[in-house]
């Protein structure tokens, strides 16, 4: 019998779920094997539950529906997509995030992107923002899966690391400001050039890359 793979911020003291419920915590993503207290990144959990900002809205204005928000969290982007008249579904493995989104009336499913997803092969846009290209710790596998989910003329929009050549796969842990820590989980951080290289091997090509408000984005289509 195979063991379930730990997911972002789960297990241990459940800092991700706790931060979502409090809606006010800073979270620290660290490399569990590096032996360093310096985090890979610092995250503001309140942002995930807040309204979409101008950069989020601009991104959504540039896509077509239906939209699949992969790793949707409490549903910020799903709500914003709906407000713009786009049909959208969010998927996430966090029961807490899904419960929050559903309580807000959003269409969200508790399912992994690597499991059976509704309307496979017909999504016009697959969305990976807020670092969600890290899901599973294997960007190649995740992009290959996204290719299966989008329609033949669909696209995958990915928020990437600001360093184009960054290609860092590691075992992560998530901790809050109180030192409460999750179990270890596979994660990745990757920039536009490195992701384009990986994606070309799974049948996707880079169609656009841009930056806005300190964030970096890419759009991929079928090769």
N, C-alpha and C. Protein backbone atom coordinates (compact mmCIF):
# COMPACT_ATOMS: atom_id res chain seq x y z
N UNK A 1 0.86 -1.19 0.00
CA UNK A 1 0.00 0.00 0.00
C UNK A 1 0.89 1.24 0.00
N UNK A 2 0.65 2.18 -0.94
CA UNK A 2 1.46 3.39 -1.02
C UNK A 2 0.97 4.43 -0.02
N UNK A 3 1.91 5.21 0.47
CA UNK A 3 1.57 6.27 1.41
C UNK A 3 1.23 7.54 0.66
N UNK A 4 0.30 8.31 1.19
CA UNK A 4 -0.07 9.57 0.57
C UNK A 4 1.10 10.55 0.67
N UNK A 5 1.31 11.32 -0.39
CA UNK A 5 2.36 12.32 -0.39
C UNK A 5 1.87 13.55 0.36
N UNK A 6 2.71 14.05 1.27
CA UNK A 6 2.34 15.25 2.02
C UNK A 6 2.18 16.43 1.06
N UNK A 7 1.27 17.33 1.38
CA UNK A 7 1.00 18.48 0.53
C UNK A 7 1.33 19.77 1.27
N UNK A 8 1.34 20.86 0.53
CA UNK A 8 1.78 22.17 1.01
C UNK A 8 1.20 22.53 2.37
N UNK A 9 2.09 22.67 3.36
CA UNK A 9 1.70 23.17 4.67
C UNK A 9 0.84 22.26 5.51
N UNK A 10 0.70 20.98 5.10
CA UNK A 10 -0.19 20.08 5.83
C UNK A 10 0.60 19.25 6.84
N UNK A 11 -0.12 18.59 7.74
CA UNK A 11 0.52 17.76 8.75
C UNK A 11 1.17 18.59 9.83
N UNK A 12 1.74 17.91 10.80
CA UNK A 12 2.37 18.61 11.91
C UNK A 12 1.37 19.51 12.62
N UNK A 13 1.75 20.76 12.80
CA UNK A 13 0.87 21.72 13.47
C UNK A 13 -0.13 22.38 12.52
N UNK A 14 -0.14 21.96 11.26
CA UNK A 14 -1.07 22.49 10.25
C UNK A 14 -1.02 24.02 10.17
N UNK A 15 0.16 24.59 9.95
CA UNK A 15 0.24 26.07 9.93
C UNK A 15 -0.54 26.71 8.80
N UNK A 16 -0.66 26.03 7.65
CA UNK A 16 -1.41 26.60 6.53
C UNK A 16 -2.89 26.73 6.88
N UNK A 17 -3.48 25.65 7.39
CA UNK A 17 -4.89 25.70 7.76
C UNK A 17 -5.13 26.70 8.88
N UNK A 18 -4.23 26.74 9.86
CA UNK A 18 -4.37 27.69 10.97
C UNK A 18 -4.31 29.13 10.47
N UNK A 19 -3.39 29.40 9.52
CA UNK A 19 -3.27 30.76 8.99
C UNK A 19 -4.52 31.16 8.21
N UNK A 20 -5.09 30.24 7.46
CA UNK A 20 -6.31 30.56 6.72
C UNK A 20 -7.47 30.89 7.66
N UNK A 21 -7.55 30.15 8.75
CA UNK A 21 -8.65 30.41 9.69
C UNK A 21 -8.46 31.75 10.41
N UNK A 22 -7.20 32.11 10.70
CA UNK A 22 -6.94 33.37 11.39
C UNK A 22 -6.90 34.54 10.41
N UNK A 23 -6.52 34.23 9.16
CA UNK A 23 -6.49 35.24 8.10
C UNK A 23 -5.54 36.40 8.41
N UNK A 24 -4.48 36.12 9.17
CA UNK A 24 -3.59 37.24 9.50
C UNK A 24 -2.14 36.82 9.70
N UNK A 25 -1.78 35.61 9.30
CA UNK A 25 -0.46 35.09 9.62
C UNK A 25 0.54 35.23 8.48
N UNK A 26 1.78 35.48 8.84
CA UNK A 26 2.90 35.35 7.93
C UNK A 26 3.39 33.91 8.00
N UNK A 27 3.70 33.33 6.84
CA UNK A 27 4.19 31.96 6.77
C UNK A 27 5.56 31.95 6.11
N UNK A 28 6.40 31.01 6.53
CA UNK A 28 7.76 30.90 6.01
C UNK A 28 7.94 29.53 5.36
N UNK A 29 8.32 29.54 4.08
CA UNK A 29 8.62 28.32 3.36
C UNK A 29 10.12 28.09 3.41
N UNK A 30 10.53 26.92 3.93
CA UNK A 30 11.95 26.62 4.08
C UNK A 30 12.29 25.28 3.41
N UNK A 31 13.55 25.16 3.03
CA UNK A 31 14.09 23.90 2.53
C UNK A 31 14.44 23.04 3.75
N UNK A 32 13.73 21.94 3.92
CA UNK A 32 13.89 21.12 5.12
C UNK A 32 15.25 20.45 5.20
N UNK A 33 15.91 20.28 4.06
CA UNK A 33 17.18 19.56 4.05
C UNK A 33 18.39 20.50 4.05
N UNK A 34 18.17 21.79 4.02
CA UNK A 34 19.28 22.73 3.86
C UNK A 34 19.99 23.06 5.17
N UNK A 35 19.34 22.78 6.29
CA UNK A 35 19.94 23.09 7.58
C UNK A 35 20.09 24.57 7.83
N UNK A 36 19.19 25.38 7.25
CA UNK A 36 19.26 26.83 7.40
C UNK A 36 17.91 27.35 7.87
N UNK A 37 17.97 28.39 8.68
CA UNK A 37 16.72 29.02 9.15
C UNK A 37 16.24 30.09 8.18
N UNK A 38 17.02 30.36 7.14
CA UNK A 38 16.64 31.38 6.16
C UNK A 38 15.56 30.80 5.24
N UNK A 39 14.38 31.42 5.15
CA UNK A 39 13.32 30.85 4.32
C UNK A 39 13.56 31.08 2.84
N UNK A 40 13.05 30.16 2.03
CA UNK A 40 13.01 30.36 0.58
C UNK A 40 12.13 31.55 0.26
N UNK A 41 11.01 31.65 0.96
CA UNK A 41 10.09 32.76 0.71
C UNK A 41 9.22 33.00 1.93
N UNK A 42 8.71 34.22 2.02
CA UNK A 42 7.81 34.62 3.08
C UNK A 42 6.46 34.93 2.45
N UNK A 43 5.40 34.43 3.06
CA UNK A 43 4.07 34.53 2.48
C UNK A 43 3.11 35.20 3.44
N UNK A 44 2.24 36.02 2.90
CA UNK A 44 1.20 36.68 3.67
C UNK A 44 -0.11 35.94 3.45
N UNK A 45 -0.51 35.14 4.42
CA UNK A 45 -1.71 34.32 4.27
C UNK A 45 -2.97 35.15 4.07
N UNK A 46 -2.99 36.35 4.62
CA UNK A 46 -4.17 37.20 4.48
C UNK A 46 -4.45 37.53 3.02
N UNK A 47 -3.40 37.61 2.22
CA UNK A 47 -3.56 37.94 0.80
C UNK A 47 -4.39 36.89 0.07
N UNK A 48 -4.24 35.62 0.46
CA UNK A 48 -4.98 34.55 -0.22
C UNK A 48 -6.48 34.66 0.02
N UNK A 49 -6.85 35.21 1.15
CA UNK A 49 -8.27 35.34 1.49
C UNK A 49 -8.84 36.70 1.14
N UNK A 50 -7.97 37.62 0.75
CA UNK A 50 -8.40 38.98 0.44
C UNK A 50 -9.01 39.03 -0.96
N UNK A 51 -9.53 40.17 -1.35
CA UNK A 51 -10.01 40.36 -2.71
C UNK A 51 -8.83 40.36 -3.68
N UNK A 52 -9.09 39.98 -4.91
CA UNK A 52 -8.07 40.04 -5.95
C UNK A 52 -7.59 41.47 -6.13
N UNK A 53 -6.28 41.64 -6.35
CA UNK A 53 -5.75 42.98 -6.55
C UNK A 53 -5.73 43.34 -8.03
N UNK A 54 -5.20 44.51 -8.35
CA UNK A 54 -5.23 44.99 -9.73
C UNK A 54 -4.46 44.07 -10.67
N UNK A 55 -3.36 43.49 -10.20
CA UNK A 55 -2.58 42.57 -11.03
C UNK A 55 -3.35 41.30 -11.30
N UNK A 56 -4.01 40.77 -10.28
CA UNK A 56 -4.86 39.59 -10.47
C UNK A 56 -5.95 39.86 -11.50
N UNK A 57 -6.60 41.00 -11.38
CA UNK A 57 -7.70 41.35 -12.30
C UNK A 57 -7.18 41.48 -13.72
N UNK A 58 -6.04 42.15 -13.88
CA UNK A 58 -5.47 42.31 -15.22
C UNK A 58 -5.14 40.96 -15.83
N UNK A 59 -4.62 40.05 -15.02
CA UNK A 59 -4.31 38.70 -15.52
C UNK A 59 -5.59 38.02 -16.02
N UNK A 60 -6.65 38.09 -15.23
CA UNK A 60 -7.90 37.42 -15.60
C UNK A 60 -8.57 38.08 -16.80
N UNK A 61 -8.38 39.37 -16.97
CA UNK A 61 -8.94 40.03 -18.15
C UNK A 61 -8.27 39.54 -19.43
N UNK A 62 -7.10 38.95 -19.30
CA UNK A 62 -6.37 38.48 -20.47
C UNK A 62 -6.59 37.02 -20.80
N UNK A 63 -7.51 36.34 -20.08
CA UNK A 63 -7.75 34.93 -20.35
C UNK A 63 -9.20 34.71 -20.76
N UNK A 64 -9.49 33.53 -21.25
CA UNK A 64 -10.86 33.14 -21.58
C UNK A 64 -11.29 31.99 -20.69
N UNK A 65 -12.57 31.81 -20.56
CA UNK A 65 -13.11 30.74 -19.74
C UNK A 65 -13.58 29.57 -20.59
N UNK A 66 -13.81 28.46 -19.95
CA UNK A 66 -13.78 28.26 -18.50
C UNK A 66 -12.36 28.19 -17.94
N UNK A 67 -12.24 28.62 -16.69
CA UNK A 67 -10.95 28.70 -16.01
C UNK A 67 -10.88 27.65 -14.91
N UNK A 68 -9.78 26.91 -14.88
CA UNK A 68 -9.52 25.97 -13.79
C UNK A 68 -8.39 26.56 -12.95
N UNK A 69 -8.71 26.93 -11.70
CA UNK A 69 -7.72 27.50 -10.79
C UNK A 69 -7.16 26.36 -9.95
N UNK A 70 -5.91 26.02 -10.23
CA UNK A 70 -5.26 24.86 -9.61
C UNK A 70 -4.54 25.29 -8.35
N UNK A 71 -4.95 24.72 -7.20
CA UNK A 71 -4.43 25.19 -5.92
C UNK A 71 -5.09 26.50 -5.54
N UNK A 72 -6.40 26.52 -5.59
CA UNK A 72 -7.16 27.79 -5.50
C UNK A 72 -7.19 28.39 -4.11
N UNK A 73 -6.83 27.60 -3.07
CA UNK A 73 -6.91 28.13 -1.71
C UNK A 73 -8.34 28.55 -1.37
N UNK A 74 -8.53 29.66 -0.66
CA UNK A 74 -9.87 30.10 -0.28
C UNK A 74 -10.68 30.69 -1.43
N UNK A 75 -10.09 30.75 -2.63
CA UNK A 75 -10.90 31.09 -3.80
C UNK A 75 -10.83 32.51 -4.30
N UNK A 76 -9.75 33.23 -3.97
CA UNK A 76 -9.63 34.63 -4.41
C UNK A 76 -9.79 34.78 -5.92
N UNK A 77 -9.09 33.96 -6.68
CA UNK A 77 -9.12 34.09 -8.14
C UNK A 77 -10.41 33.55 -8.74
N UNK A 78 -11.00 32.55 -8.12
CA UNK A 78 -12.29 32.04 -8.59
C UNK A 78 -13.35 33.13 -8.46
N UNK A 79 -13.37 33.78 -7.30
CA UNK A 79 -14.33 34.86 -7.07
C UNK A 79 -14.12 35.99 -8.07
N UNK A 80 -12.87 36.36 -8.29
CA UNK A 80 -12.57 37.45 -9.23
C UNK A 80 -12.96 37.08 -10.65
N UNK A 81 -12.71 35.83 -11.03
CA UNK A 81 -13.09 35.38 -12.37
C UNK A 81 -14.60 35.45 -12.55
N UNK A 82 -15.34 34.99 -11.55
CA UNK A 82 -16.80 35.07 -11.61
C UNK A 82 -17.28 36.50 -11.74
N UNK A 83 -16.66 37.41 -11.01
CA UNK A 83 -17.04 38.82 -11.07
C UNK A 83 -16.82 39.41 -12.46
N UNK A 84 -15.88 38.82 -13.21
CA UNK A 84 -15.60 39.29 -14.58
C UNK A 84 -16.44 38.53 -15.62
N UNK A 85 -17.34 37.68 -15.15
CA UNK A 85 -18.21 36.94 -16.06
C UNK A 85 -17.61 35.67 -16.59
N UNK A 86 -16.51 35.20 -16.00
CA UNK A 86 -15.88 33.96 -16.44
C UNK A 86 -16.37 32.77 -15.62
N UNK A 87 -16.67 31.68 -16.28
CA UNK A 87 -16.95 30.44 -15.59
C UNK A 87 -15.64 29.92 -15.02
N UNK A 88 -15.63 29.57 -13.73
CA UNK A 88 -14.39 29.14 -13.10
C UNK A 88 -14.67 28.07 -12.05
N UNK A 89 -13.74 27.15 -11.94
CA UNK A 89 -13.75 26.12 -10.90
C UNK A 89 -12.40 26.12 -10.23
N UNK A 90 -12.40 26.04 -8.91
CA UNK A 90 -11.15 25.92 -8.17
C UNK A 90 -10.99 24.51 -7.65
N UNK A 91 -9.74 24.04 -7.61
CA UNK A 91 -9.45 22.75 -6.99
C UNK A 91 -8.33 22.96 -5.98
N UNK A 92 -8.42 22.23 -4.86
CA UNK A 92 -7.40 22.34 -3.82
C UNK A 92 -7.49 21.09 -2.95
N UNK A 93 -6.35 20.72 -2.34
CA UNK A 93 -6.33 19.54 -1.48
C UNK A 93 -6.53 19.89 -0.01
N UNK A 94 -6.58 21.18 0.31
CA UNK A 94 -6.76 21.60 1.70
C UNK A 94 -8.23 21.63 2.08
N UNK A 95 -8.68 20.78 3.00
CA UNK A 95 -10.09 20.82 3.42
C UNK A 95 -10.49 22.18 3.97
N UNK A 96 -9.57 22.83 4.70
CA UNK A 96 -9.88 24.14 5.27
C UNK A 96 -10.10 25.18 4.19
N UNK A 97 -9.20 25.22 3.20
CA UNK A 97 -9.34 26.18 2.11
C UNK A 97 -10.63 25.95 1.34
N UNK A 98 -10.93 24.70 1.05
CA UNK A 98 -12.14 24.37 0.30
C UNK A 98 -13.38 24.76 1.09
N UNK A 99 -13.38 24.49 2.39
CA UNK A 99 -14.54 24.84 3.22
C UNK A 99 -14.77 26.35 3.24
N UNK A 100 -13.69 27.13 3.31
CA UNK A 100 -13.82 28.59 3.31
C UNK A 100 -14.40 29.07 1.98
N UNK A 101 -13.88 28.51 0.88
CA UNK A 101 -14.36 28.92 -0.44
C UNK A 101 -15.82 28.54 -0.64
N UNK A 102 -16.18 27.35 -0.23
CA UNK A 102 -17.57 26.92 -0.40
C UNK A 102 -18.52 27.74 0.45
N UNK A 103 -18.08 28.11 1.64
CA UNK A 103 -18.91 28.94 2.51
C UNK A 103 -19.19 30.30 1.88
N UNK A 104 -18.28 30.72 0.99
CA UNK A 104 -18.47 31.99 0.27
C UNK A 104 -19.27 31.80 -1.02
N UNK A 105 -19.75 30.58 -1.25
CA UNK A 105 -20.58 30.32 -2.41
C UNK A 105 -19.82 30.06 -3.69
N UNK A 106 -18.53 29.73 -3.59
CA UNK A 106 -17.71 29.52 -4.78
C UNK A 106 -17.69 28.05 -5.20
N UNK A 107 -17.50 27.83 -6.49
CA UNK A 107 -17.42 26.48 -7.03
C UNK A 107 -15.98 25.98 -6.86
N UNK A 108 -15.79 25.13 -5.87
CA UNK A 108 -14.47 24.60 -5.54
C UNK A 108 -14.60 23.12 -5.20
N UNK A 109 -13.66 22.32 -5.66
CA UNK A 109 -13.63 20.89 -5.37
C UNK A 109 -12.39 20.55 -4.55
N UNK A 110 -12.56 19.63 -3.60
CA UNK A 110 -11.41 19.13 -2.84
C UNK A 110 -10.82 17.94 -3.58
N UNK A 111 -9.86 18.22 -4.44
CA UNK A 111 -9.25 17.18 -5.26
C UNK A 111 -7.86 17.64 -5.70
N UNK A 112 -6.96 16.70 -5.86
CA UNK A 112 -5.62 16.99 -6.38
C UNK A 112 -5.67 17.14 -7.89
N UNK A 113 -4.80 17.98 -8.42
CA UNK A 113 -4.70 18.15 -9.86
C UNK A 113 -4.30 16.84 -10.53
N UNK A 114 -3.66 15.94 -9.79
CA UNK A 114 -3.22 14.67 -10.35
C UNK A 114 -4.28 13.58 -10.25
N UNK A 115 -5.44 13.90 -9.71
CA UNK A 115 -6.58 13.00 -9.68
C UNK A 115 -7.55 13.38 -10.80
N UNK A 116 -8.67 12.67 -10.89
CA UNK A 116 -9.67 12.99 -11.91
C UNK A 116 -10.29 14.35 -11.63
N UNK A 117 -10.23 15.22 -12.63
CA UNK A 117 -10.74 16.58 -12.53
C UNK A 117 -11.92 16.73 -13.49
N UNK A 118 -12.98 17.43 -13.09
CA UNK A 118 -14.11 17.62 -14.01
C UNK A 118 -13.68 18.27 -15.32
N UNK A 119 -14.34 17.88 -16.40
CA UNK A 119 -14.15 18.50 -17.73
C UNK A 119 -12.71 18.43 -18.22
N UNK A 120 -12.04 17.33 -17.94
CA UNK A 120 -10.66 17.19 -18.40
C UNK A 120 -10.59 17.36 -19.92
N UNK A 121 -9.60 18.10 -20.36
CA UNK A 121 -9.38 18.31 -21.78
C UNK A 121 -10.22 19.41 -22.40
N UNK A 122 -10.97 20.16 -21.56
CA UNK A 122 -11.84 21.20 -22.13
C UNK A 122 -11.68 22.56 -21.47
N UNK A 123 -10.72 22.70 -20.56
CA UNK A 123 -10.53 24.00 -19.90
C UNK A 123 -9.81 24.95 -20.84
N UNK A 124 -10.34 26.15 -21.00
CA UNK A 124 -9.69 27.14 -21.85
C UNK A 124 -8.44 27.70 -21.19
N UNK A 125 -8.46 27.79 -19.86
CA UNK A 125 -7.33 28.32 -19.12
C UNK A 125 -7.09 27.49 -17.87
N UNK A 126 -5.85 27.03 -17.70
CA UNK A 126 -5.40 26.46 -16.45
C UNK A 126 -4.57 27.51 -15.73
N UNK A 127 -4.87 27.75 -14.47
CA UNK A 127 -4.25 28.84 -13.73
C UNK A 127 -3.40 28.28 -12.60
N UNK A 128 -2.12 28.70 -12.58
CA UNK A 128 -1.19 28.34 -11.50
C UNK A 128 -0.54 29.63 -11.00
N UNK A 129 -1.15 30.25 -9.99
CA UNK A 129 -0.60 31.49 -9.45
C UNK A 129 -0.18 31.27 -8.00
N UNK A 130 0.37 32.31 -7.39
CA UNK A 130 0.76 32.26 -5.97
C UNK A 130 1.75 31.14 -5.67
N UNK A 131 2.63 30.83 -6.64
CA UNK A 131 3.65 29.81 -6.41
C UNK A 131 3.20 28.39 -6.63
N UNK A 132 1.99 28.20 -7.16
CA UNK A 132 1.45 26.85 -7.27
C UNK A 132 2.11 25.98 -8.33
N UNK A 133 3.02 26.53 -9.12
CA UNK A 133 3.84 25.71 -9.99
C UNK A 133 4.69 24.76 -9.15
N UNK A 134 4.80 25.05 -7.86
CA UNK A 134 5.56 24.19 -6.96
C UNK A 134 4.85 22.91 -6.57
N UNK A 135 3.56 22.79 -6.82
CA UNK A 135 2.78 21.64 -6.39
C UNK A 135 3.42 20.33 -6.83
N UNK A 136 3.64 19.46 -5.88
CA UNK A 136 4.17 18.13 -6.17
C UNK A 136 5.68 18.07 -6.30
N UNK A 137 6.36 19.24 -6.33
CA UNK A 137 7.80 19.25 -6.42
C UNK A 137 8.35 18.77 -7.74
N UNK A 138 7.53 18.82 -8.80
CA UNK A 138 7.98 18.37 -10.12
C UNK A 138 7.27 19.21 -11.18
N UNK A 139 7.84 20.37 -11.56
CA UNK A 139 7.18 21.24 -12.54
C UNK A 139 6.92 20.56 -13.88
N UNK A 140 7.79 19.65 -14.29
CA UNK A 140 7.58 18.95 -15.56
C UNK A 140 6.31 18.12 -15.52
N UNK A 141 6.14 17.35 -14.44
CA UNK A 141 4.95 16.52 -14.30
C UNK A 141 3.69 17.37 -14.19
N UNK A 142 3.79 18.48 -13.48
CA UNK A 142 2.62 19.35 -13.31
C UNK A 142 2.22 19.98 -14.64
N UNK A 143 3.18 20.44 -15.42
CA UNK A 143 2.86 21.03 -16.72
C UNK A 143 2.32 19.98 -17.69
N UNK A 144 2.85 18.77 -17.63
CA UNK A 144 2.32 17.69 -18.46
C UNK A 144 0.87 17.41 -18.10
N UNK A 145 0.56 17.44 -16.80
CA UNK A 145 -0.82 17.22 -16.37
C UNK A 145 -1.71 18.38 -16.83
N UNK A 146 -1.21 19.60 -16.75
CA UNK A 146 -1.99 20.75 -17.21
C UNK A 146 -2.30 20.64 -18.70
N UNK A 147 -1.37 20.13 -19.46
CA UNK A 147 -1.59 19.95 -20.90
C UNK A 147 -2.77 19.01 -21.15
N UNK A 148 -2.91 18.00 -20.29
CA UNK A 148 -4.03 17.08 -20.41
C UNK A 148 -5.36 17.75 -20.08
N UNK A 149 -5.31 18.74 -19.20
CA UNK A 149 -6.54 19.36 -18.71
C UNK A 149 -7.09 20.43 -19.63
N UNK A 150 -6.22 21.13 -20.37
CA UNK A 150 -6.69 22.23 -21.21
C UNK A 150 -7.21 21.71 -22.55
N UNK A 151 -8.02 22.53 -23.19
CA UNK A 151 -8.54 22.22 -24.52
C UNK A 151 -7.43 22.34 -25.56
N UNK A 152 -7.62 21.82 -26.77
CA UNK A 152 -6.55 21.92 -27.79
C UNK A 152 -6.06 23.33 -28.04
N UNK A 153 -6.93 24.32 -27.93
CA UNK A 153 -6.51 25.71 -28.12
C UNK A 153 -6.44 26.48 -26.79
N UNK A 154 -6.37 25.75 -25.68
CA UNK A 154 -6.30 26.37 -24.37
C UNK A 154 -4.90 26.79 -24.00
N UNK A 155 -4.76 27.37 -22.81
CA UNK A 155 -3.45 27.82 -22.34
C UNK A 155 -3.32 27.59 -20.85
N UNK A 156 -2.06 27.59 -20.40
CA UNK A 156 -1.73 27.47 -18.99
C UNK A 156 -1.01 28.75 -18.58
N UNK A 157 -1.57 29.47 -17.64
CA UNK A 157 -0.98 30.71 -17.16
C UNK A 157 -0.32 30.43 -15.81
N UNK A 158 0.97 30.73 -15.73
CA UNK A 158 1.76 30.36 -14.56
C UNK A 158 2.47 31.58 -13.99
N UNK A 159 2.32 31.79 -12.69
CA UNK A 159 3.14 32.78 -12.00
C UNK A 159 4.46 32.11 -11.63
N UNK A 160 5.57 32.71 -12.03
CA UNK A 160 6.88 32.09 -11.87
C UNK A 160 7.79 32.94 -10.98
N UNK A 161 8.91 32.35 -10.60
CA UNK A 161 9.91 33.08 -9.84
C UNK A 161 10.50 34.19 -10.70
N UNK A 162 10.90 35.28 -10.09
CA UNK A 162 11.41 36.43 -10.84
C UNK A 162 12.78 36.17 -11.46
N UNK A 163 13.49 35.13 -11.00
CA UNK A 163 14.78 34.78 -11.58
C UNK A 163 14.54 33.78 -12.71
N UNK A 164 14.73 34.17 -13.98
CA UNK A 164 14.34 33.31 -15.11
C UNK A 164 14.97 31.93 -15.10
N UNK A 165 16.21 31.80 -14.62
CA UNK A 165 16.91 30.52 -14.66
C UNK A 165 16.70 29.68 -13.41
N UNK A 166 15.98 30.21 -12.45
CA UNK A 166 15.74 29.47 -11.19
C UNK A 166 15.03 28.16 -11.49
N UNK A 167 15.57 27.06 -10.97
CA UNK A 167 14.96 25.74 -11.14
C UNK A 167 15.31 24.93 -9.90
N UNK A 168 14.54 25.13 -8.87
CA UNK A 168 14.87 24.61 -7.54
C UNK A 168 13.77 23.67 -7.07
N UNK A 169 14.11 22.39 -6.97
CA UNK A 169 13.19 21.37 -6.46
C UNK A 169 13.72 20.94 -5.10
N UNK A 170 12.86 20.93 -4.10
CA UNK A 170 13.34 20.65 -2.74
C UNK A 170 12.22 20.07 -1.88
N UNK A 171 12.60 19.61 -0.70
CA UNK A 171 11.64 19.18 0.30
C UNK A 171 11.42 20.36 1.25
N UNK A 172 10.19 20.82 1.31
CA UNK A 172 9.90 22.03 2.07
C UNK A 172 9.19 21.76 3.37
N UNK A 173 9.22 22.75 4.23
CA UNK A 173 8.35 22.81 5.40
C UNK A 173 7.79 24.22 5.47
N UNK A 174 6.62 24.33 6.06
CA UNK A 174 5.98 25.63 6.25
C UNK A 174 5.87 25.89 7.74
N UNK A 175 6.21 27.10 8.15
CA UNK A 175 6.13 27.46 9.57
C UNK A 175 5.50 28.83 9.70
N UNK A 176 4.83 29.05 10.83
CA UNK A 176 4.24 30.37 11.08
C UNK A 176 5.13 31.17 12.03
N UNK A 177 4.69 32.34 12.39
CA UNK A 177 5.51 33.23 13.21
C UNK A 177 5.70 32.69 14.63
N UNK A 178 4.90 31.71 15.01
CA UNK A 178 5.02 31.12 16.34
C UNK A 178 5.93 29.89 16.34
N UNK A 179 6.46 29.55 15.16
CA UNK A 179 7.33 28.38 15.06
C UNK A 179 6.58 27.09 14.84
N UNK A 180 5.27 27.17 14.70
CA UNK A 180 4.48 25.96 14.43
C UNK A 180 4.75 25.51 13.00
N UNK A 181 5.09 24.24 12.83
CA UNK A 181 5.62 23.76 11.55
C UNK A 181 4.79 22.61 10.98
N UNK A 182 4.78 22.53 9.65
CA UNK A 182 4.09 21.45 8.95
C UNK A 182 5.00 20.23 8.83
N UNK A 183 4.45 19.14 8.30
CA UNK A 183 5.27 18.03 7.86
C UNK A 183 6.06 18.46 6.62
N UNK A 184 7.04 17.66 6.25
CA UNK A 184 7.79 17.93 5.03
C UNK A 184 6.95 17.58 3.80
N UNK A 185 7.15 18.34 2.71
CA UNK A 185 6.41 18.10 1.48
C UNK A 185 7.28 18.48 0.28
N UNK A 186 7.08 17.85 -0.87
CA UNK A 186 7.85 18.21 -2.07
C UNK A 186 7.36 19.53 -2.64
N UNK A 187 8.30 20.37 -3.07
CA UNK A 187 7.93 21.69 -3.60
C UNK A 187 8.95 22.13 -4.64
N UNK A 188 8.64 23.17 -5.37
CA UNK A 188 9.56 23.69 -6.39
C UNK A 188 9.37 25.18 -6.55
N UNK A 189 10.43 25.87 -6.95
CA UNK A 189 10.39 27.27 -7.36
C UNK A 189 11.13 27.37 -8.69
N UNK A 190 10.52 28.00 -9.68
CA UNK A 190 11.09 27.97 -11.02
C UNK A 190 10.79 29.27 -11.76
N UNK A 191 11.75 29.71 -12.58
CA UNK A 191 11.60 30.92 -13.36
C UNK A 191 11.16 30.63 -14.79
N UNK A 192 10.96 31.69 -15.55
CA UNK A 192 10.36 31.56 -16.88
C UNK A 192 11.20 30.74 -17.85
N UNK A 193 12.50 30.99 -17.90
CA UNK A 193 13.36 30.28 -18.84
C UNK A 193 13.44 28.80 -18.50
N UNK A 194 13.62 28.50 -17.23
CA UNK A 194 13.70 27.11 -16.81
C UNK A 194 12.38 26.39 -17.05
N UNK A 195 11.26 27.07 -16.79
CA UNK A 195 9.96 26.43 -17.01
C UNK A 195 9.70 26.21 -18.49
N UNK A 196 10.10 27.16 -19.33
CA UNK A 196 9.94 26.98 -20.78
C UNK A 196 10.72 25.77 -21.26
N UNK A 197 11.92 25.59 -20.71
CA UNK A 197 12.74 24.44 -21.10
C UNK A 197 12.06 23.13 -20.69
N UNK A 198 11.57 23.07 -19.47
CA UNK A 198 10.89 21.86 -19.01
C UNK A 198 9.61 21.61 -19.80
N UNK A 199 8.84 22.67 -20.04
CA UNK A 199 7.53 22.52 -20.68
C UNK A 199 7.66 22.08 -22.13
N UNK A 200 8.73 22.48 -22.79
CA UNK A 200 8.93 22.08 -24.20
C UNK A 200 9.05 20.57 -24.32
N UNK A 201 9.48 19.91 -23.25
CA UNK A 201 9.64 18.45 -23.27
C UNK A 201 8.33 17.72 -23.05
N UNK A 202 7.29 18.44 -22.63
CA UNK A 202 5.99 17.79 -22.39
C UNK A 202 4.91 18.34 -23.33
N UNK A 203 5.33 19.00 -24.42
CA UNK A 203 4.39 19.42 -25.45
C UNK A 203 3.74 20.76 -25.26
N UNK A 204 4.40 21.63 -24.51
CA UNK A 204 3.90 22.99 -24.33
C UNK A 204 4.99 23.98 -24.73
N UNK A 205 4.60 25.11 -25.31
CA UNK A 205 5.56 26.14 -25.67
C UNK A 205 5.19 27.46 -25.02
N UNK A 206 6.21 28.24 -24.75
CA UNK A 206 6.02 29.54 -24.14
C UNK A 206 5.45 30.52 -25.16
N UNK A 207 4.27 31.07 -24.87
CA UNK A 207 3.63 32.01 -25.79
C UNK A 207 3.82 33.45 -25.35
N UNK A 208 4.01 33.67 -24.05
CA UNK A 208 4.17 35.04 -23.56
C UNK A 208 4.80 35.01 -22.17
N UNK A 209 5.52 36.07 -21.84
CA UNK A 209 6.08 36.25 -20.50
C UNK A 209 6.03 37.74 -20.18
N UNK A 210 5.65 38.06 -18.96
CA UNK A 210 5.55 39.47 -18.59
C UNK A 210 5.69 39.62 -17.07
N UNK A 211 5.90 40.85 -16.65
CA UNK A 211 6.00 41.17 -15.23
C UNK A 211 5.02 42.29 -14.91
N UNK A 212 4.48 42.26 -13.68
CA UNK A 212 3.56 43.30 -13.24
C UNK A 212 3.60 43.39 -11.73
N UNK A 213 3.82 44.59 -11.24
CA UNK A 213 3.80 44.85 -9.80
C UNK A 213 4.72 43.90 -9.03
N UNK A 214 5.91 43.65 -9.58
CA UNK A 214 6.87 42.80 -8.91
C UNK A 214 6.64 41.32 -9.04
N UNK A 215 5.63 40.93 -9.80
CA UNK A 215 5.33 39.51 -10.02
C UNK A 215 5.63 39.15 -11.47
N UNK A 216 5.96 37.89 -11.72
CA UNK A 216 6.33 37.43 -13.06
C UNK A 216 5.37 36.33 -13.50
N UNK A 217 4.97 36.39 -14.78
CA UNK A 217 3.99 35.46 -15.31
C UNK A 217 4.41 34.92 -16.67
N UNK A 218 3.88 33.75 -17.00
CA UNK A 218 4.10 33.14 -18.29
C UNK A 218 2.79 32.53 -18.78
N UNK A 219 2.68 32.40 -20.10
CA UNK A 219 1.53 31.71 -20.68
C UNK A 219 2.05 30.67 -21.66
N UNK A 220 1.55 29.44 -21.51
CA UNK A 220 1.96 28.33 -22.35
C UNK A 220 0.77 27.79 -23.14
N UNK A 221 1.04 27.37 -24.36
CA UNK A 221 0.04 26.74 -25.22
C UNK A 221 0.60 25.43 -25.74
N UNK A 222 -0.24 24.62 -26.34
CA UNK A 222 0.22 23.36 -26.90
C UNK A 222 1.22 23.62 -28.02
N UNK A 223 2.27 22.83 -28.04
CA UNK A 223 3.31 22.98 -29.08
C UNK A 223 2.80 22.43 -30.40
